[in-house]
Amino acid sequence: MADPALDVTPPHHPTFGVDLSEDQICSIVKLSLPHSASPSISKLGHGKSFNNRIYMIECQDLSSVDGTQPYVLKVNGKFFGSSKVENEVACLLLLGRYCPNVPTPRVVSWSTDGCSISKINEEGILTTAVITEDISSGWILMTRLPGEPIDPSALNQEQSDVLAKQLAKMV
């Protein structure tokens, strides 16, 4: 994973103290993506996300000839409860179904409490299982869309306005 020295999160920030170990992330990946192997994990540093700890994951897909697949693991910040994960998952599922022109990551699995894992199988049926790793926060594992995360602090006012207009056209 990334160098911990790069992540100097202030104590008042929602992601302060919100960190998963490599074993915890691998456990989530194994339960969510049983046909994957050898996850490569990197943590997005402080200031690159707002209220969540973000991990970028690359997995080898053993059931496909496509090779490596990119995913994002989004872990709730410390001030947020289960409804945040439920709402985000519902929004992503609705966008994917009813707004096909809006680039939307596909939800792979999620946990509202860190104790159970939920997935929707190919038939559209919700399945749940217990997680054996001790994960104290809700999270969402989703596919990663092409592109790079935007650092809002690096944008000037004109760039922020252009970005806001682009987003407004999508929704």
N, C-alpha and C. Protein backbone atom coordinates (compact mmCIF):
# COMPACT_ATOMS: atom_id res chain seq x y z
N MET A 1 0.84 -1.18 0.00
CA MET A 1 0.00 0.00 0.00
C MET A 1 0.88 1.23 0.00
N ALA A 2 0.25 2.39 -0.10
CA ALA A 2 0.98 3.65 -0.20
C ALA A 2 1.73 3.96 1.09
N ASP A 3 2.68 4.85 0.99
CA ASP A 3 3.49 5.28 2.11
C ASP A 3 2.61 6.02 3.13
N PRO A 4 2.52 5.56 4.39
CA PRO A 4 1.68 6.21 5.39
C PRO A 4 2.08 7.65 5.65
N ALA A 5 3.33 8.00 5.39
CA ALA A 5 3.78 9.37 5.61
C ALA A 5 3.08 10.35 4.67
N LEU A 6 2.55 9.85 3.55
CA LEU A 6 1.84 10.73 2.62
C LEU A 6 0.46 11.10 3.13
N ASP A 7 -0.05 10.40 4.13
CA ASP A 7 -1.40 10.64 4.62
C ASP A 7 -1.33 11.27 6.01
N VAL A 8 -1.33 12.58 6.04
CA VAL A 8 -1.30 13.30 7.29
C VAL A 8 -2.69 13.88 7.49
N THR A 9 -3.59 13.04 8.01
CA THR A 9 -4.97 13.45 8.18
C THR A 9 -5.14 14.15 9.52
N PRO A 10 -5.67 15.37 9.51
CA PRO A 10 -5.88 16.09 10.78
C PRO A 10 -6.93 15.38 11.65
N PRO A 11 -6.83 15.47 12.97
CA PRO A 11 -7.75 14.77 13.86
C PRO A 11 -9.22 15.14 13.70
N HIS A 12 -9.51 16.34 13.22
CA HIS A 12 -10.91 16.78 13.06
C HIS A 12 -11.54 16.27 11.75
N HIS A 13 -10.76 15.68 10.87
CA HIS A 13 -11.25 15.24 9.57
C HIS A 13 -12.00 13.91 9.70
N PRO A 14 -13.08 13.70 8.92
CA PRO A 14 -13.85 12.45 9.01
C PRO A 14 -13.05 11.18 8.76
N THR A 15 -11.95 11.26 8.02
CA THR A 15 -11.18 10.05 7.74
C THR A 15 -10.05 9.80 8.73
N PHE A 16 -9.90 10.67 9.74
CA PHE A 16 -8.86 10.46 10.74
C PHE A 16 -9.13 9.15 11.48
N GLY A 17 -8.14 8.26 11.49
CA GLY A 17 -8.29 6.98 12.17
C GLY A 17 -9.09 5.94 11.42
N VAL A 18 -9.54 6.29 10.22
CA VAL A 18 -10.30 5.34 9.39
C VAL A 18 -9.33 4.71 8.41
N ASP A 19 -8.84 3.54 8.76
CA ASP A 19 -7.88 2.84 7.92
C ASP A 19 -8.16 1.35 7.98
N LEU A 20 -8.08 0.69 6.84
CA LEU A 20 -8.21 -0.75 6.79
C LEU A 20 -6.84 -1.35 6.51
N SER A 21 -6.59 -2.48 7.09
CA SER A 21 -5.33 -3.18 6.83
C SER A 21 -5.42 -3.87 5.47
N GLU A 22 -4.28 -4.26 4.97
CA GLU A 22 -4.24 -5.00 3.70
C GLU A 22 -5.03 -6.31 3.83
N ASP A 23 -4.94 -6.97 4.99
CA ASP A 23 -5.70 -8.21 5.21
C ASP A 23 -7.20 -7.97 5.17
N GLN A 24 -7.65 -6.87 5.78
CA GLN A 24 -9.08 -6.55 5.77
C GLN A 24 -9.57 -6.29 4.34
N ILE A 25 -8.79 -5.54 3.58
CA ILE A 25 -9.17 -5.24 2.20
C ILE A 25 -9.18 -6.52 1.37
N CYS A 26 -8.17 -7.35 1.53
CA CYS A 26 -8.12 -8.62 0.79
C CYS A 26 -9.31 -9.51 1.14
N SER A 27 -9.74 -9.49 2.39
CA SER A 27 -10.91 -10.26 2.80
C SER A 27 -12.17 -9.77 2.09
N ILE A 28 -12.34 -8.46 2.01
CA ILE A 28 -13.48 -7.88 1.31
C ILE A 28 -13.44 -8.27 -0.16
N VAL A 29 -12.27 -8.16 -0.78
CA VAL A 29 -12.11 -8.50 -2.19
C VAL A 29 -12.42 -9.97 -2.43
N LYS A 30 -11.90 -10.84 -1.57
CA LYS A 30 -12.12 -12.28 -1.74
C LYS A 30 -13.60 -12.65 -1.63
N LEU A 31 -14.31 -12.05 -0.67
CA LEU A 31 -15.74 -12.32 -0.52
C LEU A 31 -16.56 -11.71 -1.66
N SER A 32 -16.13 -10.56 -2.15
CA SER A 32 -16.88 -9.85 -3.19
C SER A 32 -16.59 -10.34 -4.59
N LEU A 33 -15.34 -10.71 -4.83
CA LEU A 33 -14.88 -11.09 -6.16
C LEU A 33 -14.17 -12.44 -6.07
N PRO A 34 -14.94 -13.53 -5.91
CA PRO A 34 -14.30 -14.83 -5.68
C PRO A 34 -13.41 -15.32 -6.82
N HIS A 35 -13.56 -14.75 -8.02
CA HIS A 35 -12.75 -15.18 -9.17
C HIS A 35 -11.59 -14.22 -9.42
N SER A 36 -11.15 -13.54 -8.36
CA SER A 36 -10.04 -12.60 -8.51
C SER A 36 -8.86 -13.07 -7.67
N ALA A 37 -7.70 -12.52 -8.00
CA ALA A 37 -6.48 -12.88 -7.28
C ALA A 37 -5.52 -11.70 -7.29
N SER A 38 -4.60 -11.74 -6.38
CA SER A 38 -3.48 -10.79 -6.33
C SER A 38 -3.91 -9.33 -6.36
N PRO A 39 -4.72 -8.88 -5.38
CA PRO A 39 -5.08 -7.46 -5.41
C PRO A 39 -3.90 -6.55 -5.12
N SER A 40 -3.80 -5.50 -5.89
CA SER A 40 -2.82 -4.44 -5.65
C SER A 40 -3.61 -3.27 -5.06
N ILE A 41 -3.16 -2.75 -3.91
CA ILE A 41 -3.94 -1.77 -3.16
C ILE A 41 -3.13 -0.49 -2.98
N SER A 42 -3.78 0.64 -3.25
CA SER A 42 -3.15 1.93 -2.94
C SER A 42 -4.20 2.83 -2.30
N LYS A 43 -3.77 3.56 -1.29
CA LYS A 43 -4.68 4.44 -0.55
C LYS A 43 -4.57 5.85 -1.09
N LEU A 44 -5.71 6.48 -1.33
CA LEU A 44 -5.73 7.88 -1.72
C LEU A 44 -5.36 8.71 -0.49
N GLY A 45 -4.44 9.63 -0.63
CA GLY A 45 -3.97 10.43 0.49
C GLY A 45 -4.98 11.46 0.96
N HIS A 46 -4.68 12.08 2.10
CA HIS A 46 -5.55 13.11 2.66
C HIS A 46 -5.70 14.27 1.66
N GLY A 47 -6.91 14.81 1.60
CA GLY A 47 -7.19 15.92 0.70
C GLY A 47 -7.64 15.47 -0.68
N LYS A 48 -7.57 14.18 -0.95
CA LYS A 48 -7.98 13.65 -2.26
C LYS A 48 -9.43 13.15 -2.23
N SER A 49 -10.01 13.05 -1.05
CA SER A 49 -11.42 12.70 -0.91
C SER A 49 -11.97 13.52 0.24
N PHE A 50 -13.28 13.55 0.36
CA PHE A 50 -13.88 14.42 1.36
C PHE A 50 -14.23 13.67 2.65
N ASN A 51 -15.23 12.82 2.61
CA ASN A 51 -15.74 12.21 3.83
C ASN A 51 -15.49 10.71 3.91
N ASN A 52 -14.67 10.19 3.02
CA ASN A 52 -14.43 8.75 2.95
C ASN A 52 -12.95 8.45 2.81
N ARG A 53 -12.54 7.29 3.30
CA ARG A 53 -11.20 6.78 3.02
C ARG A 53 -11.33 6.00 1.72
N ILE A 54 -10.50 6.29 0.75
CA ILE A 54 -10.60 5.68 -0.58
C ILE A 54 -9.37 4.81 -0.84
N TYR A 55 -9.62 3.59 -1.29
CA TYR A 55 -8.56 2.67 -1.69
C TYR A 55 -8.77 2.30 -3.16
N MET A 56 -7.73 2.41 -3.94
CA MET A 56 -7.76 1.98 -5.33
C MET A 56 -7.23 0.55 -5.36
N ILE A 57 -7.98 -0.33 -6.01
CA ILE A 57 -7.63 -1.75 -6.03
C ILE A 57 -7.58 -2.24 -7.46
N GLU A 58 -6.54 -2.97 -7.79
CA GLU A 58 -6.42 -3.64 -9.09
C GLU A 58 -6.40 -5.13 -8.80
N CYS A 59 -7.28 -5.89 -9.48
CA CYS A 59 -7.36 -7.33 -9.25
C CYS A 59 -7.23 -8.07 -10.57
N GLN A 60 -6.56 -9.19 -10.50
CA GLN A 60 -6.51 -10.08 -11.65
C GLN A 60 -7.81 -10.88 -11.65
N ASP A 61 -8.54 -10.84 -12.79
CA ASP A 61 -9.79 -11.58 -12.93
C ASP A 61 -9.49 -12.94 -13.52
N LEU A 62 -9.60 -13.99 -12.69
CA LEU A 62 -9.26 -15.34 -13.13
C LEU A 62 -10.31 -15.96 -14.04
N SER A 63 -11.52 -15.38 -14.08
CA SER A 63 -12.59 -15.93 -14.90
C SER A 63 -12.68 -15.26 -16.27
N SER A 64 -11.78 -14.34 -16.54
CA SER A 64 -11.85 -13.57 -17.77
C SER A 64 -10.48 -13.46 -18.41
N VAL A 65 -10.48 -13.21 -19.70
CA VAL A 65 -9.22 -12.97 -20.41
C VAL A 65 -8.87 -11.48 -20.42
N ASP A 66 -9.73 -10.67 -19.80
CA ASP A 66 -9.51 -9.22 -19.77
C ASP A 66 -8.34 -8.81 -18.90
N GLY A 67 -7.89 -9.71 -18.03
CA GLY A 67 -6.73 -9.40 -17.20
C GLY A 67 -7.10 -8.67 -15.93
N THR A 68 -6.46 -7.54 -15.69
CA THR A 68 -6.62 -6.79 -14.46
C THR A 68 -7.83 -5.87 -14.53
N GLN A 69 -8.57 -5.82 -13.43
CA GLN A 69 -9.76 -4.97 -13.34
C GLN A 69 -9.56 -3.95 -12.22
N PRO A 70 -9.93 -2.68 -12.46
CA PRO A 70 -9.79 -1.66 -11.41
C PRO A 70 -11.07 -1.51 -10.58
N TYR A 71 -10.89 -1.35 -9.28
CA TYR A 71 -12.01 -1.16 -8.36
C TYR A 71 -11.68 -0.04 -7.39
N VAL A 72 -12.72 0.46 -6.72
CA VAL A 72 -12.57 1.46 -5.67
C VAL A 72 -13.27 0.93 -4.43
N LEU A 73 -12.58 0.99 -3.30
CA LEU A 73 -13.19 0.66 -2.01
C LEU A 73 -13.33 1.98 -1.26
N LYS A 74 -14.57 2.34 -0.98
CA LYS A 74 -14.89 3.60 -0.33
C LYS A 74 -15.37 3.30 1.08
N VAL A 75 -14.60 3.71 2.10
CA VAL A 75 -14.91 3.42 3.50
C VAL A 75 -15.45 4.69 4.16
N ASN A 76 -16.58 4.54 4.84
CA ASN A 76 -17.21 5.68 5.52
C ASN A 76 -16.26 6.38 6.48
N GLY A 77 -16.35 7.71 6.50
CA GLY A 77 -15.65 8.48 7.52
C GLY A 77 -16.30 8.24 8.87
N LYS A 78 -15.63 8.68 9.93
CA LYS A 78 -16.05 8.32 11.28
C LYS A 78 -17.35 8.98 11.75
N PHE A 79 -17.86 9.99 11.07
CA PHE A 79 -19.07 10.67 11.52
C PHE A 79 -20.33 10.17 10.83
N PHE A 80 -20.23 9.10 10.03
CA PHE A 80 -21.36 8.68 9.20
C PHE A 80 -21.85 7.29 9.59
N GLY A 81 -23.16 7.11 9.54
CA GLY A 81 -23.76 5.84 9.89
C GLY A 81 -24.15 5.03 8.68
N SER A 82 -24.95 4.00 8.93
CA SER A 82 -25.33 3.05 7.89
C SER A 82 -26.17 3.67 6.78
N SER A 83 -26.94 4.70 7.10
CA SER A 83 -27.81 5.29 6.07
C SER A 83 -27.00 5.91 4.94
N LYS A 84 -25.77 6.36 5.22
CA LYS A 84 -24.94 6.94 4.16
C LYS A 84 -24.62 5.88 3.10
N VAL A 85 -24.21 4.70 3.53
CA VAL A 85 -23.92 3.62 2.58
C VAL A 85 -25.19 3.20 1.85
N GLU A 86 -26.29 3.03 2.58
CA GLU A 86 -27.56 2.63 1.95
C GLU A 86 -27.97 3.62 0.87
N ASN A 87 -27.89 4.91 1.18
CA ASN A 87 -28.28 5.94 0.21
C ASN A 87 -27.36 5.97 -1.00
N GLU A 88 -26.06 5.86 -0.78
CA GLU A 88 -25.12 5.88 -1.91
C GLU A 88 -25.30 4.67 -2.82
N VAL A 89 -25.48 3.50 -2.23
CA VAL A 89 -25.70 2.29 -3.03
C VAL A 89 -26.99 2.44 -3.83
N ALA A 90 -28.06 2.90 -3.19
CA ALA A 90 -29.34 3.08 -3.88
C ALA A 90 -29.20 4.06 -5.04
N CYS A 91 -28.50 5.16 -4.81
CA CYS A 91 -28.29 6.16 -5.88
C CYS A 91 -27.50 5.58 -7.05
N LEU A 92 -26.44 4.86 -6.75
CA LEU A 92 -25.63 4.27 -7.82
C LEU A 92 -26.43 3.24 -8.61
N LEU A 93 -27.23 2.42 -7.92
CA LEU A 93 -28.05 1.43 -8.62
C LEU A 93 -29.12 2.10 -9.48
N LEU A 94 -29.75 3.15 -8.97
CA LEU A 94 -30.75 3.88 -9.75
C LEU A 94 -30.14 4.59 -10.95
N LEU A 95 -29.00 5.24 -10.75
CA LEU A 95 -28.33 5.90 -11.87
C LEU A 95 -27.96 4.89 -12.96
N GLY A 96 -27.40 3.77 -12.54
CA GLY A 96 -27.02 2.75 -13.51
C GLY A 96 -28.19 2.22 -14.31
N ARG A 97 -29.33 2.12 -13.66
CA ARG A 97 -30.51 1.56 -14.34
C ARG A 97 -31.27 2.58 -15.18
N TYR A 98 -31.48 3.79 -14.64
CA TYR A 98 -32.37 4.76 -15.29
C TYR A 98 -31.65 5.90 -16.00
N CYS A 99 -30.36 6.03 -15.83
CA CYS A 99 -29.60 7.09 -16.49
C CYS A 99 -28.37 6.49 -17.15
N PRO A 100 -28.57 5.69 -18.18
CA PRO A 100 -27.44 4.97 -18.77
C PRO A 100 -26.38 5.88 -19.40
N ASN A 101 -26.71 7.13 -19.68
CA ASN A 101 -25.72 8.04 -20.27
C ASN A 101 -24.81 8.68 -19.23
N VAL A 102 -25.14 8.53 -17.96
CA VAL A 102 -24.30 9.08 -16.89
C VAL A 102 -23.27 8.03 -16.50
N PRO A 103 -21.99 8.34 -16.61
CA PRO A 103 -20.96 7.37 -16.21
C PRO A 103 -21.13 7.04 -14.72
N THR A 104 -21.42 5.78 -14.44
CA THR A 104 -21.71 5.35 -13.07
C THR A 104 -20.94 4.08 -12.76
N PRO A 105 -20.22 4.06 -11.65
CA PRO A 105 -19.55 2.81 -11.28
C PRO A 105 -20.59 1.75 -10.92
N ARG A 106 -20.25 0.49 -11.17
CA ARG A 106 -21.13 -0.62 -10.81
C ARG A 106 -20.81 -1.04 -9.38
N VAL A 107 -21.84 -1.12 -8.54
CA VAL A 107 -21.65 -1.55 -7.16
C VAL A 107 -21.40 -3.05 -7.18
N VAL A 108 -20.29 -3.48 -6.58
CA VAL A 108 -19.94 -4.89 -6.50
C VAL A 108 -20.49 -5.48 -5.20
N SER A 109 -20.24 -4.79 -4.09
CA SER A 109 -20.72 -5.22 -2.78
C SER A 109 -20.66 -4.04 -1.84
N TRP A 110 -21.31 -4.20 -0.67
CA TRP A 110 -21.29 -3.13 0.31
C TRP A 110 -21.57 -3.69 1.70
N SER A 111 -21.24 -2.88 2.70
CA SER A 111 -21.54 -3.21 4.08
C SER A 111 -21.99 -1.94 4.77
N THR A 112 -23.11 -2.00 5.46
CA THR A 112 -23.59 -0.82 6.18
C THR A 112 -22.95 -0.71 7.56
N ASP A 113 -22.44 -1.83 8.08
CA ASP A 113 -21.93 -1.85 9.44
C ASP A 113 -20.52 -2.44 9.60
N GLY A 114 -19.94 -2.96 8.53
CA GLY A 114 -18.63 -3.60 8.61
C GLY A 114 -18.68 -5.04 9.08
N CYS A 115 -19.86 -5.53 9.45
CA CYS A 115 -20.01 -6.90 9.98
C CYS A 115 -20.60 -7.86 8.96
N SER A 116 -21.35 -7.33 7.99
CA SER A 116 -21.96 -8.19 6.97
C SER A 116 -21.67 -7.59 5.61
N ILE A 117 -21.75 -8.43 4.61
CA ILE A 117 -21.50 -8.01 3.23
C ILE A 117 -22.75 -8.29 2.41
N SER A 118 -23.15 -7.32 1.60
CA SER A 118 -24.32 -7.46 0.73
C SER A 118 -23.90 -7.37 -0.72
N LYS A 119 -24.53 -8.20 -1.55
CA LYS A 119 -24.27 -8.20 -2.99
C LYS A 119 -25.59 -8.47 -3.70
N ILE A 120 -25.69 -8.01 -4.93
CA ILE A 120 -26.83 -8.36 -5.77
C ILE A 120 -26.29 -9.29 -6.85
N ASN A 121 -26.84 -10.51 -6.90
CA ASN A 121 -26.31 -11.50 -7.85
C ASN A 121 -26.85 -11.25 -9.26
N GLU A 122 -26.45 -12.09 -10.21
CA GLU A 122 -26.83 -11.91 -11.62
C GLU A 122 -28.34 -11.93 -11.83
N GLU A 123 -29.07 -12.62 -10.96
CA GLU A 123 -30.53 -12.70 -11.08
C GLU A 123 -31.21 -11.51 -10.41
N GLY A 124 -30.44 -10.59 -9.84
CA GLY A 124 -31.00 -9.42 -9.18
C GLY A 124 -31.44 -9.68 -7.75
N ILE A 125 -30.98 -10.77 -7.16
CA ILE A 125 -31.37 -11.13 -5.80
C ILE A 125 -30.29 -10.67 -4.83
N LEU A 126 -30.73 -10.02 -3.75
CA LEU A 126 -29.82 -9.54 -2.72
C LEU A 126 -29.36 -10.71 -1.86
N THR A 127 -28.05 -10.83 -1.70
CA THR A 127 -27.49 -11.86 -0.82
C THR A 127 -26.63 -11.18 0.24
N THR A 128 -26.58 -11.78 1.41
CA THR A 128 -25.74 -11.24 2.49
C THR A 128 -24.93 -12.37 3.12
N ALA A 129 -23.80 -12.01 3.70
CA ALA A 129 -22.94 -12.96 4.38
C ALA A 129 -22.24 -12.22 5.53
N VAL A 130 -21.76 -12.96 6.49
CA VAL A 130 -21.04 -12.40 7.63
C VAL A 130 -19.57 -12.24 7.26
N ILE A 131 -18.98 -11.15 7.69
CA ILE A 131 -17.55 -10.89 7.48
C ILE A 131 -16.81 -11.34 8.73
N THR A 132 -15.74 -12.08 8.56
CA THR A 132 -14.98 -12.56 9.71
C THR A 132 -13.94 -11.54 10.18
N GLU A 133 -13.52 -10.65 9.28
CA GLU A 133 -12.57 -9.60 9.66
C GLU A 133 -13.30 -8.54 10.50
N ASP A 134 -12.61 -7.92 11.43
CA ASP A 134 -13.18 -6.87 12.26
C ASP A 134 -13.03 -5.54 11.53
N ILE A 135 -14.11 -5.11 10.88
CA ILE A 135 -14.11 -3.84 10.14
C ILE A 135 -15.16 -2.96 10.80
N SER A 136 -14.75 -1.83 11.29
CA SER A 136 -15.63 -1.02 12.16
C SER A 136 -16.45 0.03 11.42
N SER A 137 -16.46 0.00 10.11
CA SER A 137 -17.17 1.04 9.37
C SER A 137 -17.83 0.46 8.14
N GLY A 138 -18.86 1.16 7.66
CA GLY A 138 -19.50 0.77 6.41
C GLY A 138 -18.60 1.08 5.23
N TRP A 139 -18.86 0.41 4.11
CA TRP A 139 -18.02 0.60 2.92
C TRP A 139 -18.78 0.18 1.67
N ILE A 140 -18.26 0.61 0.51
CA ILE A 140 -18.79 0.22 -0.79
C ILE A 140 -17.61 -0.17 -1.68
N LEU A 141 -17.70 -1.35 -2.30
CA LEU A 141 -16.73 -1.76 -3.31
C LEU A 141 -17.40 -1.60 -4.65
N MET A 142 -16.78 -0.84 -5.54
CA MET A 142 -17.38 -0.56 -6.85
C MET A 142 -16.32 -0.60 -7.93
N THR A 143 -16.79 -0.72 -9.17
CA THR A 143 -15.85 -0.65 -10.29
C THR A 143 -15.30 0.77 -10.36
N ARG A 144 -14.14 0.88 -10.96
CA ARG A 144 -13.52 2.20 -11.12
C ARG A 144 -13.72 2.68 -12.54
N LEU A 145 -14.21 3.90 -12.67
CA LEU A 145 -14.38 4.51 -13.98
C LEU A 145 -13.04 5.04 -14.46
N PRO A 146 -12.86 5.16 -15.78
CA PRO A 146 -11.61 5.72 -16.30
C PRO A 146 -11.43 7.17 -15.84
N GLY A 147 -10.19 7.58 -15.70
CA GLY A 147 -9.90 8.95 -15.33
C GLY A 147 -9.11 9.02 -14.04
N GLU A 148 -8.84 10.22 -13.60
CA GLU A 148 -8.08 10.47 -12.38
C GLU A 148 -8.94 11.29 -11.43
N PRO A 149 -8.79 11.07 -10.12
CA PRO A 149 -9.52 11.90 -9.15
C PRO A 149 -9.12 13.36 -9.29
N ILE A 150 -10.08 14.23 -9.08
CA ILE A 150 -9.83 15.67 -9.16
C ILE A 150 -9.47 16.19 -7.77
N ASP A 151 -8.40 16.96 -7.70
CA ASP A 151 -8.02 17.62 -6.46
C ASP A 151 -8.64 19.02 -6.49
N PRO A 152 -9.74 19.24 -5.75
CA PRO A 152 -10.42 20.54 -5.81
C PRO A 152 -9.52 21.71 -5.43
N SER A 153 -8.56 21.48 -4.56
CA SER A 153 -7.68 22.58 -4.14
C SER A 153 -6.74 23.01 -5.26
N ALA A 154 -6.57 22.17 -6.28
CA ALA A 154 -5.68 22.51 -7.39
C ALA A 154 -6.40 23.26 -8.51
N LEU A 155 -7.72 23.43 -8.39
CA LEU A 155 -8.50 24.11 -9.42
C LEU A 155 -8.61 25.60 -9.12
N ASN A 156 -8.47 26.41 -10.19
CA ASN A 156 -8.77 27.84 -10.02
C ASN A 156 -10.27 28.03 -10.22
N GLN A 157 -10.76 29.25 -10.06
CA GLN A 157 -12.20 29.51 -10.14
C GLN A 157 -12.77 29.15 -11.51
N GLU A 158 -12.05 29.46 -12.58
CA GLU A 158 -12.53 29.16 -13.93
C GLU A 158 -12.65 27.64 -14.14
N GLN A 159 -11.66 26.90 -13.69
CA GLN A 159 -11.70 25.44 -13.81
C GLN A 159 -12.85 24.85 -12.98
N SER A 160 -13.08 25.40 -11.79
CA SER A 160 -14.19 24.95 -10.95
C SER A 160 -15.52 25.20 -11.63
N ASP A 161 -15.66 26.36 -12.27
CA ASP A 161 -16.90 26.69 -12.98
C ASP A 161 -17.14 25.73 -14.15
N VAL A 162 -16.08 25.43 -14.91
CA VAL A 162 -16.20 24.51 -16.04
C VAL A 162 -16.62 23.12 -15.55
N LEU A 163 -16.00 22.67 -14.48
CA LEU A 163 -16.33 21.37 -13.90
C LEU A 163 -17.78 21.34 -13.45
N ALA A 164 -18.22 22.38 -12.76
CA ALA A 164 -19.60 22.44 -12.27
C ALA A 164 -20.60 22.39 -13.44
N LYS A 165 -20.29 23.09 -14.52
CA LYS A 165 -21.17 23.07 -15.70
C LYS A 165 -21.22 21.69 -16.34
N GLN A 166 -20.08 21.02 -16.41
CA GLN A 166 -20.04 19.66 -16.97
C GLN A 166 -20.88 18.70 -16.13
N LEU A 167 -20.75 18.80 -14.82
CA LEU A 167 -21.55 17.94 -13.93
C LEU A 167 -23.03 18.24 -14.05
N ALA A 168 -23.37 19.52 -14.16
CA ALA A 168 -24.79 19.92 -14.27
C ALA A 168 -25.42 19.35 -15.54
N LYS A 169 -24.65 19.26 -16.61
CA LYS A 169 -25.19 18.69 -17.86
C LYS A 169 -25.49 17.20 -17.73
N MET A 170 -24.76 16.51 -16.85
CA MET A 170 -24.97 15.07 -16.67
C MET A 170 -26.19 14.76 -15.84
N VAL A 171 -26.49 15.61 -14.90
CA VAL A 171 -27.63 15.35 -14.01
C VAL A 171 -28.68 16.36 -14.21
